[in-house]
Amino acid sequence: MKELAKSGELAFDLATAFDASPNPYMLLTPDLRFAGMNQAYLDVTQRTRDDLLGRHVLEAFDAGGDETNMALLRGSFERVLRTGEIDRIPSLHYAIPLPDQTGAIRYIDKYWSCTHSPVKDVDGRLRFILQHTTDITELHMLRRATGAGDASALDALISDRVLRQAEGMQERNLALESERDRLVGMFMQAPGFIAVLSGPHHVFQLVNGAYSRLIGRDGVEGLPVREALPDLAGQGFFELLDGVLETGEPYEGRNQRVRLQRRPDGPLEDVYLNFIYQPIRDGSGRPAGILVQGHDVTESVLAAERQKLMIDELNHRVKNTLATVQSIAMQTARHHPEPQGFAEAFQSRLMSLSHTHDLLTRSHWEGADLRAVLQHETDAHGGALRIVLNGPPVSLDPAQALSLGMVFHELATNAGKYGALSTPEGRVFVDWAIADQRAPRLTLNWREAGGPQVSPPQRRGFGSRLIERNIRHDLAGEIEAAYAPEGFKADISMPLDRERDAQ
């Protein structure tokens, strides 16, 4: 046999045998067009090869417009394409056009017994459908002509019992097909994703709309999972499927991350799924396939992660705020031993912290604008009439906003007690700019004018130490303060992106 195959004689012999068979055979392509037929098929249909080759079978033989019987035949072909298995129609009433005695073409009632077999290539792909038909018209005619005669005699003569069983089987098959179509329809409309995989290579047999939307592609039916979803390689899912088919044990994934390329040429996207791989067993109880079923839970997983992040961030902020309040209380008490002075200074600093918290809350703690922080801390000392703010928009992160808010509060408080804002004519000018756009750095100048003559303090109070600690330690910046007679000045410089500045 191998030698015949090598020489080409085997193919010739098979083609010769196919054409010489007294049984009618024809080959259809997967789109149901004639690819070949033997002489017996041409004889029974009284057609020619040139007339049939390449034509759609339901166009060449339309049953005289009988949609019901055309649907039966089409359904059998589709079952072979869908399952890759043989399908039979025990009894099919299907008229075909034949010439009468005058040569005119008329539709003649015929009854057929049909067997449709898949023809696959070496890779297991379905290439053709082979139809074997038997004309059983005479059996039906004889049975009809016999009428209500002796049933047992008829059984003996024409196997009427077998014919009845065939018709009963066909009715049962139609009922089963209707039930199957109903179940498939339910699967296709299910809100969760569903796929049916067959065989050791996990070939897609059925995929519903939710599954197609999940993977971001159509047309995976008939493809092995490794070919249909190459983006899953290295994530362990192919191996899980192999294990389920080998052991017959189901696998359940909970909140499991899957990376999918859901758009052509797009990046891999993280998707979180709850799913189960359930083995499908054949008649002997062996795993023959896998039912994949589940739900996309990406939104709930990400929401839970965001909630946890917010709780962790809240805990962190509360601890930091309490530490700041504790430090303010201790330092204020050290420099204000009398209760009234302590209460006023402590309350003032807490209000400053509260103002900045209000700003950050409005932006969901994403940050605050420098001008807004300055205005909040200086409004109580005369606002725009006495404090002139000049500079571009600058976005501060939450930590920067809190630290600078405390710094501006101390500067404004000192100006109100001892500096320019302690007299009606005094004013404060605050100018800022951004230097070096590649590594953005904020430079800010605080300048007081029109107030009493200034002299350096005899001792450094808590406010001065707070300003210096916040600028140098919390903000990784620098500050230069000058107590000139005409007014206090402070030059502040700090990086806006501490991570990039540290690299």
Protein backbone atom coordinates (compact mmCIF):
# COMPACT_ATOMS: atom_id res chain seq x y z
CA MET A 1 0.00 0.00 0.00
CA LYS A 2 2.85 2.42 0.89
CA GLU A 3 4.60 1.66 -2.41
CA LEU A 4 1.38 2.36 -4.29
CA ALA A 5 1.02 5.67 -2.44
CA LYS A 6 4.59 6.67 -3.31
CA SER A 7 4.15 5.86 -6.97
CA GLY A 8 0.80 7.57 -7.26
CA GLU A 9 -0.91 4.34 -8.24
CA LEU A 10 -2.89 4.26 -4.98
CA ALA A 11 -4.59 7.58 -5.72
CA PHE A 12 -5.37 6.35 -9.24
CA ASP A 13 -6.79 3.06 -7.94
CA LEU A 14 -8.94 4.78 -5.31
CA ALA A 15 -10.33 7.24 -7.87
CA THR A 16 -11.07 4.36 -10.25
CA ALA A 17 -12.81 2.37 -7.51
CA PHE A 18 -14.81 5.45 -6.44
CA ASP A 19 -16.05 6.03 -9.97
CA ALA A 20 -16.73 2.35 -10.64
CA SER A 21 -18.81 1.76 -7.48
CA PRO A 22 -22.46 0.88 -8.21
CA ASN A 23 -23.47 2.96 -5.16
CA PRO A 24 -24.06 6.69 -5.73
CA TYR A 25 -21.42 8.92 -4.10
CA MET A 26 -20.65 12.62 -4.26
CA LEU A 27 -18.15 14.95 -2.52
CA LEU A 28 -19.01 18.42 -1.20
CA THR A 29 -16.65 21.18 -0.07
CA PRO A 30 -17.29 22.75 3.38
CA ASP A 31 -19.31 25.48 1.66
CA LEU A 32 -21.54 22.72 0.18
CA ARG A 33 -20.36 22.92 -3.43
CA PHE A 34 -19.81 19.87 -5.61
CA ALA A 35 -16.18 18.76 -5.65
CA GLY A 36 -16.74 15.36 -7.28
CA MET A 37 -19.17 12.50 -7.89
CA ASN A 38 -19.05 8.98 -9.31
CA GLN A 39 -20.82 7.63 -12.37
CA ALA A 40 -23.55 5.94 -10.31
CA TYR A 41 -24.50 9.34 -8.85
CA LEU A 42 -24.63 10.86 -12.34
CA ASP A 43 -26.79 7.96 -13.53
CA VAL A 44 -29.34 8.24 -10.70
CA THR A 45 -29.59 12.04 -11.01
CA GLN A 46 -29.25 12.05 -14.84
CA ARG A 47 -26.85 15.00 -14.70
CA THR A 48 -23.34 15.64 -16.05
CA ARG A 49 -20.14 16.43 -14.18
CA ASP A 50 -19.76 19.79 -15.96
CA ASP A 51 -23.28 20.70 -14.88
CA LEU A 52 -22.62 19.95 -11.18
CA LEU A 53 -18.96 20.71 -10.40
CA GLY A 54 -18.63 23.94 -8.39
CA ARG A 55 -22.38 24.41 -7.93
CA HIS A 56 -24.05 24.62 -4.52
CA VAL A 57 -25.87 21.35 -3.82
CA LEU A 58 -29.10 23.10 -2.76
CA GLU A 59 -29.02 25.18 -5.92
CA ALA A 60 -28.53 22.16 -8.16
CA PHE A 61 -31.19 20.16 -6.26
CA ASP A 62 -33.77 22.44 -4.68
CA ALA A 63 -36.46 19.77 -3.96
CA GLY A 64 -38.88 21.65 -6.15
CA GLY A 65 -38.95 24.50 -3.67
CA ASP A 66 -39.82 22.26 -0.68
CA GLU A 67 -38.17 24.31 2.09
CA THR A 68 -38.89 21.71 4.79
CA ASN A 69 -36.99 18.90 3.10
CA MET A 70 -34.22 21.24 1.97
CA ALA A 71 -33.82 22.25 5.63
CA LEU A 72 -33.52 18.57 6.65
CA LEU A 73 -30.74 18.01 4.14
CA ARG A 74 -28.95 21.26 5.01
CA GLY A 75 -29.20 20.40 8.72
CA SER A 76 -27.47 17.06 8.17
CA PHE A 77 -24.58 18.72 6.30
CA GLU A 78 -24.23 21.34 9.05
CA ARG A 79 -24.09 18.66 11.76
CA VAL A 80 -21.18 17.00 9.97
CA LEU A 81 -19.38 20.36 9.68
CA ARG A 82 -20.05 21.20 13.30
CA THR A 83 -19.25 17.85 14.92
CA GLY A 84 -16.84 16.26 12.45
CA GLU A 85 -18.88 13.03 12.76
CA ILE A 86 -21.03 10.92 10.43
CA ASP A 87 -24.69 11.96 10.14
CA ARG A 88 -27.53 9.88 8.66
CA ILE A 89 -30.98 10.61 7.30
CA PRO A 90 -32.79 7.22 7.26
CA SER A 91 -35.61 8.48 5.04
CA LEU A 92 -35.67 11.77 3.12
CA HIS A 93 -38.53 12.80 0.83
CA TYR A 94 -36.69 14.87 -1.76
CA ALA A 95 -37.88 15.51 -5.34
CA ILE A 96 -35.25 15.90 -8.09
CA PRO A 97 -35.58 17.22 -11.66
CA LEU A 98 -35.58 14.38 -14.23
CA PRO A 99 -36.51 14.25 -17.94
CA ASP A 100 -39.81 12.52 -18.76
CA GLN A 101 -40.57 10.46 -21.89
CA THR A 102 -40.85 13.62 -23.99
CA GLY A 103 -37.54 15.01 -22.71
CA ALA A 104 -39.17 17.75 -20.63
CA ILE A 105 -37.68 18.30 -17.16
CA ARG A 106 -40.10 17.58 -14.32
CA TYR A 107 -39.66 17.21 -10.54
CA ILE A 108 -40.09 13.55 -9.64
CA ASP A 109 -40.89 12.48 -6.06
CA LYS A 110 -38.05 10.44 -4.60
CA TYR A 111 -37.25 8.91 -1.22
CA TRP A 112 -33.62 8.55 -0.18
CA SER A 113 -31.59 7.06 2.63
CA CYS A 114 -28.52 9.33 3.08
CA THR A 115 -25.24 8.92 4.90
CA HIS A 116 -22.96 11.95 5.19
CA SER A 117 -19.36 11.27 6.26
CA PRO A 118 -16.56 13.77 7.05
CA VAL A 119 -13.37 13.47 4.98
CA LYS A 120 -10.41 14.90 6.93
CA ASP A 121 -6.80 15.68 6.05
CA VAL A 122 -3.72 14.50 7.96
CA ASP A 123 -4.07 17.41 10.40
CA GLY A 124 -7.63 16.42 11.27
CA ARG A 125 -9.27 19.32 9.41
CA LEU A 126 -12.50 18.58 7.58
CA ARG A 127 -11.90 18.96 3.83
CA PHE A 128 -14.98 17.34 2.26
CA ILE A 129 -18.35 15.75 3.01
CA LEU A 130 -18.90 12.38 1.34
CA GLN A 131 -22.56 11.57 0.61
CA HIS A 132 -23.75 8.03 -0.01
CA THR A 133 -27.39 7.86 -1.10
CA THR A 134 -29.72 4.92 -1.61
CA ASP A 135 -32.92 5.36 -3.59
CA ILE A 136 -35.68 3.77 -1.47
CA THR A 137 -38.57 5.19 -3.53
CA GLU A 138 -39.80 1.75 -4.60
CA LEU A 139 -40.09 0.60 -1.01
CA HIS A 140 -42.30 3.57 -0.21
CA MET A 141 -44.39 3.13 -3.36
CA LEU A 142 -44.94 -0.59 -2.72
CA ARG A 143 -45.85 0.04 0.87
CA ARG A 144 -48.30 2.76 -0.15
CA ALA A 145 -49.84 0.53 -2.84
CA THR A 146 -50.27 -2.35 -0.37
CA GLY A 147 -52.36 -0.16 1.91
CA ALA A 148 -53.87 -1.99 4.89
CA GLY A 149 -52.92 -5.47 3.66
CA ASP A 150 -51.18 -8.21 5.56
CA ALA A 151 -48.52 -6.37 7.56
CA SER A 152 -46.52 -9.49 8.42
CA ALA A 153 -46.33 -10.55 4.78
CA LEU A 154 -45.29 -7.06 3.80
CA ASP A 155 -42.62 -7.10 6.47
CA ALA A 156 -41.25 -10.29 5.00
CA LEU A 157 -41.34 -9.00 1.44
CA ILE A 158 -40.07 -5.43 1.69
CA SER A 159 -38.77 -5.06 5.23
CA ASP A 160 -41.51 -2.60 6.10
CA ARG A 161 -40.68 -2.89 9.80
CA VAL A 162 -37.16 -1.68 9.12
CA LEU A 163 -38.55 1.20 7.11
CA ARG A 164 -40.90 2.16 9.94
CA GLN A 165 -38.04 2.02 12.43
CA ALA A 166 -35.96 4.26 10.17
CA GLU A 167 -38.77 6.80 9.99
CA GLY A 168 -39.24 6.66 13.76
CA MET A 169 -35.53 7.16 14.29
CA GLN A 170 -35.61 10.17 11.98
CA GLU A 171 -38.47 11.73 13.97
CA ARG A 172 -36.56 11.16 17.20
CA ASN A 173 -33.43 12.65 15.64
CA LEU A 174 -35.38 15.74 14.58
CA ALA A 175 -36.74 16.11 18.11
CA LEU A 176 -33.25 15.75 19.55
CA GLU A 177 -31.89 18.27 17.04
CA SER A 178 -34.62 20.73 18.00
CA GLU A 179 -33.76 20.30 21.69
CA ARG A 180 -30.06 20.66 20.91
CA ASP A 181 -30.70 23.88 18.96
CA ARG A 182 -32.70 25.21 21.92
CA LEU A 183 -29.85 24.45 24.34
CA VAL A 184 -27.25 25.93 21.99
CA GLY A 185 -29.41 29.04 21.71
CA MET A 186 -29.47 29.32 25.50
CA PHE A 187 -25.67 28.94 25.61
CA MET A 188 -25.16 31.58 22.95
CA GLN A 189 -27.35 34.09 24.80
CA ALA A 190 -25.96 33.35 28.28
CA PRO A 191 -24.50 36.43 30.04
CA GLY A 192 -21.43 34.47 31.16
CA PHE A 193 -18.80 33.27 28.70
CA ILE A 194 -19.03 29.66 27.47
CA ALA A 195 -16.83 27.57 25.19
CA VAL A 196 -16.76 23.86 24.37
CA LEU A 197 -13.32 22.36 23.62
CA SER A 198 -12.88 18.93 22.03
CA GLY A 199 -10.07 16.41 21.98
CA PRO A 200 -6.46 16.44 23.18
CA HIS A 201 -5.69 19.66 21.28
CA HIS A 202 -8.72 21.46 22.82
CA VAL A 203 -10.36 22.39 19.50
CA PHE A 204 -13.10 25.04 19.82
CA GLN A 205 -16.46 23.51 18.93
CA LEU A 206 -18.77 26.15 20.36
CA VAL A 207 -18.18 29.72 21.50
CA ASN A 208 -20.90 32.09 22.69
CA GLY A 209 -21.01 35.85 22.19
CA ALA A 210 -19.71 36.64 25.68
CA TYR A 211 -16.62 34.50 25.06
CA SER A 212 -15.95 36.21 21.70
CA ARG A 213 -16.21 39.62 23.39
CA LEU A 214 -13.88 38.46 26.17
CA ILE A 215 -11.08 37.37 23.83
CA GLY A 216 -11.73 40.18 21.33
CA ARG A 217 -11.92 37.99 18.23
CA ASP A 218 -14.35 35.84 16.19
CA GLY A 219 -13.92 32.73 14.07
CA VAL A 220 -12.05 30.53 16.57
CA GLU A 221 -14.39 27.57 16.00
CA GLY A 222 -12.46 24.65 14.54
CA LEU A 223 -9.10 25.92 15.81
CA PRO A 224 -7.00 24.37 18.61
CA VAL A 225 -6.78 26.67 21.64
CA ARG A 226 -3.01 27.14 21.24
CA GLU A 227 -3.52 28.38 17.69
CA ALA A 228 -6.62 30.46 18.42
CA LEU A 229 -5.20 32.15 21.56
CA PRO A 230 -1.39 32.33 21.23
CA ASP A 231 -1.38 35.27 23.68
CA LEU A 232 -2.10 32.78 26.51
CA ALA A 233 1.28 31.08 26.03
CA GLY A 234 3.37 31.06 29.20
CA GLN A 235 0.42 31.86 31.50
CA GLY A 236 -0.28 28.26 32.50
CA PHE A 237 -3.77 27.91 31.01
CA PHE A 238 -2.81 25.45 28.27
CA GLU A 239 -1.24 23.23 30.92
CA LEU A 240 -4.37 23.49 33.10
CA LEU A 241 -6.53 22.31 30.19
CA ASP A 242 -4.15 19.41 29.53
CA GLY A 243 -4.36 18.43 33.21
CA VAL A 244 -8.19 18.52 33.30
CA LEU A 245 -8.41 16.29 30.20
CA GLU A 246 -5.78 13.89 31.56
CA THR A 247 -7.10 13.55 35.11
CA GLY A 248 -10.81 14.17 34.57
CA GLU A 249 -10.74 16.57 37.54
CA PRO A 250 -12.33 20.02 37.09
CA TYR A 251 -10.36 23.20 37.74
CA GLU A 252 -11.86 26.38 39.22
CA GLY A 253 -10.20 29.79 39.02
CA ARG A 254 -11.19 32.67 41.29
CA ASN A 255 -10.28 36.28 40.52
CA GLN A 256 -7.57 34.86 38.26
CA ARG A 257 -5.61 37.27 36.09
CA VAL A 258 -5.46 36.56 32.35
CA ARG A 259 -3.46 38.65 29.87
CA LEU A 260 -5.24 38.90 26.51
CA GLN A 261 -4.54 40.75 23.29
CA ARG A 262 -8.10 41.93 22.76
CA ARG A 263 -7.35 44.21 19.80
CA PRO A 264 -5.30 43.35 16.68
CA ASP A 265 -1.74 44.60 17.16
CA GLY A 266 -2.81 45.95 20.57
CA PRO A 267 -1.06 45.43 23.89
CA LEU A 268 -1.79 42.62 26.32
CA GLU A 269 -4.59 43.63 28.68
CA ASP A 270 -5.14 42.37 32.23
CA VAL A 271 -8.52 40.70 32.70
CA TYR A 272 -9.72 39.02 35.91
CA LEU A 273 -11.98 35.97 35.63
CA ASN A 274 -14.00 33.55 37.73
CA PHE A 275 -14.18 30.35 35.66
CA ILE A 276 -14.32 26.56 35.69
CA TYR A 277 -12.84 23.95 33.36
CA GLN A 278 -15.34 21.07 33.54
CA PRO A 279 -14.45 17.77 31.79
CA ILE A 280 -16.98 16.41 29.27
CA ARG A 281 -17.08 12.60 29.24
CA ASP A 282 -17.88 10.28 26.33
CA GLY A 283 -20.08 7.19 26.44
CA SER A 284 -17.33 5.14 28.07
CA GLY A 285 -16.79 7.73 30.80
CA ARG A 286 -13.44 8.99 29.51
CA PRO A 287 -12.84 12.77 29.27
CA ALA A 288 -13.36 13.77 25.63
CA GLY A 289 -13.55 17.53 25.94
CA ILE A 290 -13.83 20.47 28.31
CA LEU A 291 -16.64 22.92 29.05
CA VAL A 292 -15.27 26.39 29.81
CA GLN A 293 -17.68 28.61 31.73
CA GLY A 294 -17.23 31.78 33.73
CA HIS A 295 -17.65 35.51 34.23
CA ASP A 296 -15.47 38.58 33.75
CA VAL A 297 -14.96 40.05 37.24
CA THR A 298 -12.36 42.66 36.28
CA GLU A 299 -14.48 45.59 37.47
CA SER A 300 -15.16 44.10 40.92
CA VAL A 301 -11.51 43.02 41.41
CA LEU A 302 -10.21 46.46 40.47
CA ALA A 303 -12.85 48.10 42.66
CA ALA A 304 -11.74 45.95 45.61
CA GLU A 305 -8.10 46.84 44.94
CA ARG A 306 -8.98 50.54 44.78
CA GLN A 307 -10.91 50.26 48.04
CA LYS A 308 -7.99 48.54 49.78
CA LEU A 309 -5.61 51.16 48.42
CA MET A 310 -7.88 53.94 49.68
CA ILE A 311 -8.14 52.35 53.14
CA ASP A 312 -4.36 51.90 53.31
CA GLU A 313 -3.85 55.47 52.15
CA LEU A 314 -6.40 56.74 54.68
CA ASN A 315 -4.63 54.88 57.49
CA HIS A 316 -1.31 56.33 56.36
CA ARG A 317 -2.69 59.87 56.21
CA VAL A 318 -4.41 59.60 59.57
CA LYS A 319 -1.18 58.38 61.21
CA ASN A 320 0.82 61.16 59.55
CA THR A 321 -1.76 63.78 60.51
CA LEU A 322 -1.85 62.59 64.12
CA ALA A 323 1.96 62.67 64.23
CA THR A 324 1.91 66.21 62.84
CA VAL A 325 -0.74 67.31 65.35
CA GLN A 326 1.24 65.72 68.18
CA SER A 327 4.41 67.52 67.07
CA ILE A 328 2.57 70.87 66.77
CA ALA A 329 1.04 70.41 70.23
CA MET A 330 4.34 69.55 71.89
CA GLN A 331 6.32 72.34 70.23
CA THR A 332 3.58 74.93 70.77
CA ALA A 333 3.29 73.99 74.44
CA ARG A 334 7.06 74.30 74.84
CA HIS A 335 7.02 77.90 73.60
CA HIS A 336 3.66 78.93 75.11
CA PRO A 337 3.57 77.75 78.73
CA GLU A 338 0.53 79.90 79.50
CA PRO A 339 -2.82 78.21 78.53
CA GLN A 340 -4.26 81.11 76.52
CA GLY A 341 -1.20 81.55 74.33
CA PHE A 342 -0.94 77.82 73.77
CA ALA A 343 -4.64 77.55 72.81
CA GLU A 344 -4.45 80.41 70.29
CA ALA A 345 -1.26 79.20 68.59
CA PHE A 346 -2.31 75.55 68.58
CA GLN A 347 -5.75 76.31 67.16
CA SER A 348 -4.25 78.54 64.48
CA ARG A 349 -1.86 75.82 63.29
CA LEU A 350 -4.61 73.17 63.33
CA MET A 351 -6.81 75.44 61.19
CA SER A 352 -3.95 75.79 58.70
CA LEU A 353 -3.65 72.02 58.49
CA SER A 354 -7.43 71.75 58.10
CA HIS A 355 -7.49 74.29 55.24
CA THR A 356 -4.99 72.29 53.24
CA HIS A 357 -6.90 69.07 53.95
CA ASP A 358 -10.03 70.75 52.54
CA LEU A 359 -8.18 71.61 49.33
CA LEU A 360 -6.91 68.05 48.92
CA THR A 361 -10.32 66.54 49.66
CA ARG A 362 -11.86 68.53 46.80
CA SER A 363 -9.39 66.90 44.40
CA HIS A 364 -9.84 63.42 45.96
CA TRP A 365 -6.32 63.76 47.38
CA GLU A 366 -4.75 63.91 43.95
CA GLY A 367 -3.05 67.24 44.73
CA ALA A 368 -3.60 71.00 44.92
CA ASP A 369 -2.52 74.15 43.08
CA LEU A 370 0.19 76.31 44.67
CA ARG A 371 -1.83 79.53 44.31
CA ALA A 372 -4.84 77.94 46.04
CA VAL A 373 -2.67 76.85 48.99
CA LEU A 374 -1.20 80.36 49.31
CA GLN A 375 -4.63 82.00 49.16
CA HIS A 376 -6.03 79.70 51.85
CA GLU A 377 -3.19 80.52 54.23
CA THR A 378 -3.10 84.28 53.63
CA ASP A 379 -6.78 85.24 53.20
CA ALA A 380 -7.13 85.93 56.94
CA HIS A 381 -4.42 88.63 56.68
CA GLY A 382 -6.01 90.86 54.05
CA GLY A 383 -6.18 88.73 50.94
CA ALA A 384 -5.37 90.19 47.52
CA LEU A 385 -5.41 93.79 48.82
CA ARG A 386 -2.29 93.27 50.92
CA ILE A 387 -0.78 90.03 49.62
CA VAL A 388 0.16 89.99 45.91
CA LEU A 389 0.55 86.54 44.36
CA ASN A 390 2.34 86.23 41.02
CA GLY A 391 3.29 83.01 39.25
CA PRO A 392 2.18 80.23 36.87
CA PRO A 393 -0.06 77.29 37.79
CA VAL A 394 1.93 74.71 39.75
CA SER A 395 0.49 71.33 40.70
CA LEU A 396 1.58 70.04 44.11
CA ASP A 397 1.19 66.46 45.28
CA PRO A 398 -0.59 65.93 48.65
CA ALA A 399 2.61 65.76 50.71
CA GLN A 400 3.98 68.94 49.11
CA ALA A 401 0.67 70.77 49.62
CA LEU A 402 0.52 69.87 53.34
CA SER A 403 4.13 70.87 54.02
CA LEU A 404 3.96 74.15 52.08
CA GLY A 405 0.59 74.94 53.66
CA MET A 406 2.24 74.83 57.12
CA VAL A 407 5.20 76.90 55.84
CA PHE A 408 2.95 79.61 54.36
CA HIS A 409 0.87 79.67 57.53
CA GLU A 410 3.97 80.34 59.67
CA LEU A 411 5.24 83.02 57.25
CA ALA A 412 1.85 84.76 57.18
CA THR A 413 1.47 84.51 60.97
CA ASN A 414 4.93 86.03 61.55
CA ALA A 415 4.16 88.80 59.05
CA GLY A 416 0.90 89.51 60.88
CA LYS A 417 2.56 89.62 64.30
CA TYR A 418 5.92 91.22 63.64
CA GLY A 419 6.29 92.01 59.94
CA ALA A 420 4.63 93.89 57.08
CA LEU A 421 1.09 92.75 57.84
CA SER A 422 1.26 94.12 61.40
CA THR A 423 0.77 97.69 60.06
CA PRO A 424 -2.00 99.02 57.77
CA GLU A 425 0.47 100.10 55.07
CA GLY A 426 2.46 96.85 54.86
CA ARG A 427 2.24 94.43 51.99
CA VAL A 428 3.63 91.01 51.04
CA PHE A 429 4.76 90.04 47.53
CA VAL A 430 5.03 86.36 46.62
CA ASP A 431 6.57 85.48 43.26
CA TRP A 432 7.32 82.00 41.94
CA ALA A 433 8.49 80.27 38.77
CA ILE A 434 9.50 76.85 37.42
CA ALA A 435 13.14 76.29 36.54
CA ASP A 436 14.62 73.46 34.42
CA GLN A 437 11.68 71.75 32.69
CA ARG A 438 13.61 68.49 32.39
CA ALA A 439 13.80 68.23 36.20
CA PRO A 440 11.18 70.79 37.31
CA ARG A 441 12.20 72.91 40.30
CA LEU A 442 10.03 75.47 42.07
CA THR A 443 11.64 78.75 43.08
CA LEU A 444 9.53 81.01 45.35
CA ASN A 445 10.34 84.46 46.78
CA TRP A 446 8.48 85.84 49.83
CA ARG A 447 9.14 89.58 50.22
CA GLU A 448 7.64 91.96 52.80
CA ALA A 449 7.50 95.76 52.46
CA GLY A 450 5.97 98.76 54.21
CA GLY A 451 6.08 97.30 57.69
CA PRO A 452 8.11 98.17 60.78
CA GLN A 453 11.88 98.03 60.69
CA VAL A 454 13.05 94.42 60.91
CA SER A 455 15.89 92.97 62.95
CA PRO A 456 17.00 89.35 63.35
CA PRO A 457 15.23 87.51 66.20
CA GLN A 458 17.06 86.92 69.45
CA ARG A 459 16.08 83.24 69.43
CA ARG A 460 14.67 80.75 66.94
CA GLY A 461 11.09 79.85 67.76
CA PHE A 462 9.05 76.82 66.81
CA GLY A 463 7.71 78.52 63.68
CA SER A 464 11.21 79.10 62.29
CA ARG A 465 12.24 75.53 63.00
CA LEU A 466 9.01 74.18 61.45
CA ILE A 467 9.64 76.18 58.26
CA GLU A 468 13.21 74.99 57.96
CA ARG A 469 12.36 71.33 58.78
CA ASN A 470 9.49 71.20 56.26
CA ILE A 471 11.54 72.79 53.46
CA ARG A 472 14.78 70.86 53.99
CA HIS A 473 13.51 67.52 55.29
CA ASP A 474 9.97 67.01 53.99
CA LEU A 475 10.43 68.75 50.62
CA ALA A 476 14.17 68.15 49.99
CA GLY A 477 14.50 71.89 49.29
CA GLU A 478 16.48 74.89 50.40
CA ILE A 479 15.55 78.17 52.12
CA GLU A 480 17.47 81.38 52.63
CA ALA A 481 15.94 83.92 55.03
CA ALA A 482 17.10 87.54 55.31
CA TYR A 483 16.01 90.02 58.00
CA ALA A 484 16.73 93.24 56.08
CA PRO A 485 15.66 96.51 57.79
CA GLU A 486 13.14 97.28 55.03
CA GLY A 487 11.43 93.92 55.34
CA PHE A 488 11.78 90.17 55.77
CA LYS A 489 12.69 88.09 52.73
CA ALA A 490 12.74 84.33 52.11
CA ASP A 491 13.91 82.48 48.98
CA ILE A 492 12.65 78.89 48.71
CA SER A 493 13.80 76.32 46.14
CA MET A 494 12.53 72.72 45.92
CA PRO A 495 12.17 69.88 43.37
CA LEU A 496 8.66 69.17 42.14
CA ASP A 497 9.48 65.56 41.19
CA ARG A 498 11.54 64.15 44.05
CA GLU A 499 11.82 60.66 42.51
CA ARG A 500 13.21 61.91 39.20
CA ASP A 501 15.39 64.47 40.99
CA ALA A 502 16.93 61.70 43.10
CA GLN A 503 17.91 59.58 40.04
